[in-house]
C-alpha atoms as a PDB file:
ATOM      1  CA  MET A   1     -28.758  -0.708  -7.856  1.00  0.00           C
ATOM      2  CA  TYR A   2     -30.209   1.062  -4.829  1.00  0.00           C
ATOM      3  CA  ILE A   3     -28.233   3.766  -3.039  1.00  0.00           C
ATOM      4  CA  GLY A   4     -29.164   5.431   0.262  1.00  0.00           C
ATOM      5  CA  ILE A   5     -28.391   9.135   0.600  1.00  0.00           C
ATOM      6  CA  MET A   6     -28.477  10.951   3.949  1.00  0.00           C
ATOM      7  CA  THR A   7     -29.434  14.584   3.357  1.00  0.00           C
ATOM      8  CA  ASP A   8     -30.907  17.761   4.824  1.00  0.00           C
ATOM      9  CA  LYS A   9     -33.799  18.023   2.319  1.00  0.00           C
ATOM     10  CA  PRO A  10     -36.215  15.495   0.797  1.00  0.00           C
ATOM     11  CA  ASP A  11     -34.822  15.832  -2.736  1.00  0.00           C
ATOM     12  CA  MET A  12     -31.653  15.448  -4.783  1.00  0.00           C
ATOM     13  CA  ASP A  13     -30.676  19.081  -4.122  1.00  0.00           C
ATOM     14  CA  GLY A  14     -30.318  18.323  -0.409  1.00  0.00           C
ATOM     15  CA  ILE A  15     -26.841  18.589   1.084  1.00  0.00           C
ATOM     16  CA  ILE A  16     -25.165  15.721   2.915  1.00  0.00           C
ATOM     17  CA  PRO A  17     -24.519  16.943   6.479  1.00  0.00           C
ATOM     18  CA  ALA A  18     -21.328  16.597   8.544  1.00  0.00           C
ATOM     19  CA  LEU A  19     -22.572  13.491  10.383  1.00  0.00           C
ATOM     20  CA  PHE A  20     -24.923  10.600   9.577  1.00  0.00           C
ATOM     21  CA  ALA A  21     -26.832  11.594  12.729  1.00  0.00           C
ATOM     22  CA  ASP A  22     -27.382  15.151  11.429  1.00  0.00           C
ATOM     23  CA  ALA A  23     -29.350  14.044   8.366  1.00  0.00           C
ATOM     24  CA  ASN A  24     -33.022  14.966   8.326  1.00  0.00           C
ATOM     25  CA  PHE A  25     -33.880  12.632   5.443  1.00  0.00           C
ATOM     26  CA  LEU A  26     -32.904   9.323   3.914  1.00  0.00           C
ATOM     27  CA  LEU A  27     -33.429   9.086   0.169  1.00  0.00           C
ATOM     28  CA  ILE A  28     -33.406   5.697  -1.530  1.00  0.00           C
ATOM     29  CA  VAL A  29     -32.330   6.153  -5.133  1.00  0.00           C
ATOM     30  CA  ASP A  30     -32.490   3.660  -7.966  1.00  0.00           C
ATOM     31  CA  ALA A  31     -29.178   4.590  -9.605  1.00  0.00           C
ATOM     32  CA  ASP A  32     -29.989   2.600 -12.753  1.00  0.00           C
ATOM     33  CA  LYS A  33     -33.145   4.658 -13.389  1.00  0.00           C
ATOM     34  CA  ASP A  34     -31.874   7.880 -11.763  1.00  0.00           C
ATOM     35  CA  THR A  35     -35.022   8.167  -9.641  1.00  0.00           C
ATOM     36  CA  VAL A  36     -35.833   8.561  -5.959  1.00  0.00           C
ATOM     37  CA  CYS A  37     -37.980   5.563  -5.062  1.00  0.00           C
ATOM     38  CA  ALA A  38     -38.415   6.194  -1.315  1.00  0.00           C
ATOM     39  CA  LYS A  39     -37.989   9.013   1.205  1.00  0.00           C
ATOM     40  CA  TYR A  40     -37.867   8.845   4.986  1.00  0.00           C
ATOM     41  CA  ALA A  41     -38.004  11.865   7.301  1.00  0.00           C
ATOM     42  CA  ARG A  42     -36.097  12.016  10.581  1.00  0.00           C
ATOM     43  CA  SER A  43     -39.258  12.700  12.610  1.00  0.00           C
ATOM     44  CA  GLY A  44     -39.535   9.706  14.899  1.00  0.00           C
ATOM     45  CA  MET A  45     -36.692   7.853  13.158  1.00  0.00           C
ATOM     46  CA  THR A  46     -33.421   7.034  14.885  1.00  0.00           C
ATOM     47  CA  ASP A  47     -30.074   6.381  13.209  1.00  0.00           C
ATOM     48  CA  ARG A  48     -30.762   2.701  13.865  1.00  0.00           C
ATOM     49  CA  ASN A  49     -34.096   3.000  11.984  1.00  0.00           C
ATOM     50  CA  PHE A  50     -32.373   4.683   9.038  1.00  0.00           C
ATOM     51  CA  ALA A  51     -29.746   1.904   8.987  1.00  0.00           C
ATOM     52  CA  ARG A  52     -32.504  -0.736   8.931  1.00  0.00           C
ATOM     53  CA  LYS A  53     -34.236   1.065   6.036  1.00  0.00           C
ATOM     54  CA  LEU A  54     -31.013   0.810   4.031  1.00  0.00           C
ATOM     55  CA  ILE A  55     -31.039  -2.952   4.564  1.00  0.00           C
ATOM     56  CA  GLU A  56     -34.781  -3.206   3.920  1.00  0.00           C
ATOM     57  CA  HIS A  57     -34.305  -1.573   0.501  1.00  0.00           C
ATOM     58  CA  ASP A  58     -31.285  -3.783  -0.298  1.00  0.00           C
ATOM     59  CA  CYS A  59     -29.022  -0.753  -0.763  1.00  0.00           C
ATOM     60  CA  GLU A  60     -25.541  -1.399  -2.083  1.00  0.00           C
ATOM     61  CA  ALA A  61     -24.152   1.864  -0.714  1.00  0.00           C
ATOM     62  CA  VAL A  62     -24.927   4.844   1.495  1.00  0.00           C
ATOM     63  CA  LEU A  63     -23.669   8.380   0.868  1.00  0.00           C
ATOM     64  CA  CYS A  64     -23.197  10.188   4.158  1.00  0.00           C
ATOM     65  CA  GLY A  65     -20.892  11.631   6.790  1.00  0.00           C
ATOM     66  CA  PRO A  66     -19.178   9.811   9.671  1.00  0.00           C
ATOM     67  CA  ILE A  67     -21.406   7.278  11.472  1.00  0.00           C
ATOM     68  CA  GLU A  68     -21.811   6.393  15.158  1.00  0.00           C
ATOM     69  CA  LYS A  69     -21.010   2.819  16.221  1.00  0.00           C
ATOM     70  CA  GLU A  70     -24.484   1.245  16.439  1.00  0.00           C
ATOM     71  CA  PRO A  71     -25.808   2.299  13.002  1.00  0.00           C
ATOM     72  CA  PHE A  72     -22.368   1.670  11.454  1.00  0.00           C
ATOM     73  CA  LEU A  73     -22.397  -1.950  12.635  1.00  0.00           C
ATOM     74  CA  ILE A  74     -25.909  -2.453  11.279  1.00  0.00           C
ATOM     75  CA  ILE A  75     -24.954  -0.948   7.922  1.00  0.00           C
ATOM     76  CA  ALA A  76     -21.528  -2.573   7.565  1.00  0.00           C
ATOM     77  CA  ASP A  77     -21.851  -5.907   9.337  1.00  0.00           C
ATOM     78  CA  GLU A  78     -25.516  -6.837   8.905  1.00  0.00           C
ATOM     79  CA  GLY A  79     -26.162  -5.116   5.595  1.00  0.00           C
ATOM     80  CA  CYS A  80     -22.717  -5.333   3.978  1.00  0.00           C
ATOM     81  CA  ILE A  81     -23.462  -1.845   2.630  1.00  0.00           C
ATOM     82  CA  THR A  82     -20.555   0.258   1.361  1.00  0.00           C
ATOM     83  CA  ARG A  83     -20.245   3.658   3.061  1.00  0.00           C
ATOM     84  CA  TYR A  84     -19.034   6.660   1.055  1.00  0.00           C
ATOM     85  CA  TYR A  85     -17.894   9.936   2.625  1.00  0.00           C
ATOM     86  CA  SER A  86     -19.740  12.705   0.777  1.00  0.00           C
ATOM     87  CA  VAL A  87     -20.149  15.555   3.282  1.00  0.00           C
ATOM     88  CA  GLY A  88     -21.015  18.918   1.745  1.00  0.00           C
ATOM     89  CA  LEU A  89     -22.101  17.561  -1.632  1.00  0.00           C
ATOM     90  CA  SER A  90     -25.670  17.646  -2.856  1.00  0.00           C
ATOM     91  CA  ALA A  91     -27.330  14.256  -3.158  1.00  0.00           C
ATOM     92  CA  GLY A  92     -27.091  14.496  -6.952  1.00  0.00           C
ATOM     93  CA  GLU A  93     -23.411  15.482  -6.900  1.00  0.00           C
ATOM     94  CA  ALA A  94     -22.596  12.710  -4.420  1.00  0.00           C
ATOM     95  CA  LEU A  95     -24.350  10.077  -6.517  1.00  0.00           C
ATOM     96  CA  LYS A  96     -22.429  11.144  -9.642  1.00  0.00           C
ATOM     97  CA  ALA A  97     -19.138  11.158  -7.721  1.00  0.00           C
ATOM     98  CA  MET A  98     -19.829   7.693  -6.293  1.00  0.00           C
ATOM     99  CA  LEU A  99     -20.633   6.271  -9.713  1.00  0.00           C
ATOM    100  CA  ALA A 100     -17.378   7.803 -11.025  1.00  0.00           C
ATOM    101  CA  GLU A 101     -15.504   6.183  -8.104  1.00  0.00           C
ATOM    102  CA  GLN A 102     -14.409   9.578  -6.768  1.00  0.00           C
ATOM    103  CA  LEU A 103     -15.523   9.273  -3.132  1.00  0.00           C
ATOM    104  CA  PRO A 104     -13.471   7.925  -0.221  1.00  0.00           C
ATOM    105  CA  LEU A 105     -14.821   5.100   1.910  1.00  0.00           C
ATOM    106  CA  ILE A 106     -15.928   5.387   5.518  1.00  0.00           C
ATOM    107  CA  VAL A 107     -14.145   2.365   6.936  1.00  0.00           C
ATOM    108  CA  ASP A 108     -14.907   2.692  10.655  1.00  0.00           C
ATOM    109  CA  PHE A 109     -17.391   4.247  13.045  1.00  0.00           C
ATOM    110  CA  ILE A 110     -16.769   7.471  14.952  1.00  0.00           C
ATOM    111  CA  GLY A 111     -14.257   6.662  17.679  1.00  0.00           C
ATOM    112  CA  GLY A 112     -13.361   3.294  16.174  1.00  0.00           C
ATOM    113  CA  THR A 113      -9.824   1.997  16.150  1.00  0.00           C
ATOM    114  CA  GLY A 114      -9.587   1.484  12.398  1.00  0.00           C
ATOM    115  CA  CYS A 115      -8.651   3.962   9.720  1.00  0.00           C
ATOM    116  CA  GLY A 116     -11.142   6.832   9.422  1.00  0.00           C
ATOM    117  CA  ALA A 117      -9.717   7.818   6.011  1.00  0.00           C
ATOM    118  CA  ALA A 118     -11.743  10.823   4.916  1.00  0.00           C
ATOM    119  CA  HIS A 119     -12.279  12.416   8.296  1.00  0.00           C
ATOM    120  CA  THR A 120      -9.233  11.731  10.492  1.00  0.00           C
ATOM    121  CA  ASN A 121      -5.457  11.876  10.401  1.00  0.00           C
ATOM    122  CA  CYS A 122      -4.468   8.826   8.422  1.00  0.00           C
ATOM    123  CA  ASP A 123      -1.464   7.450   6.596  1.00  0.00           C
ATOM    124  CA  CYS A 124      -3.393   4.863   4.591  1.00  0.00           C
ATOM    125  CA  GLY A 125      -3.650   7.071   1.513  1.00  0.00           C
ATOM    126  CA  GLN A 126      -7.454   6.945   1.380  1.00  0.00           C
ATOM    127  CA  GLY A 127      -8.167  10.379   2.803  1.00  0.00           C
ATOM    128  CA  GLU A 128      -6.657  13.755   3.374  1.00  0.00           C
ATOM    129  CA  LYS A 129      -4.706  14.404   6.536  1.00  0.00           C
ATOM    130  CA  ALA A 130      -6.387  16.873   8.866  1.00  0.00           C
END
């Protein structure tokens, strides 16, 4: 199972930033083998490019912060990739938390009309109220 992780460094010690758009790197991790199989640096890459890389690698999930509309639609609608809110965790911590089913979902893009769960006021029970 391949998992994409948006981080500030090109390794598993990198921290997941506050927003998808703030990530400097995309790591593609083979969760079954616990190895990083691909790395992409932000230089020259847009959020749209990162979203396409997730699809290209057949990722089942992405660990990140809130996502702008265009990359969110690529990830969610085209790629059917599950989005997990993991801001402030290292890539390694986030992967372990995801596998233990301890991370909330990102269910809508920034400014969307749906429930933002982990990062907005919400009564759905999926995230903390701000």
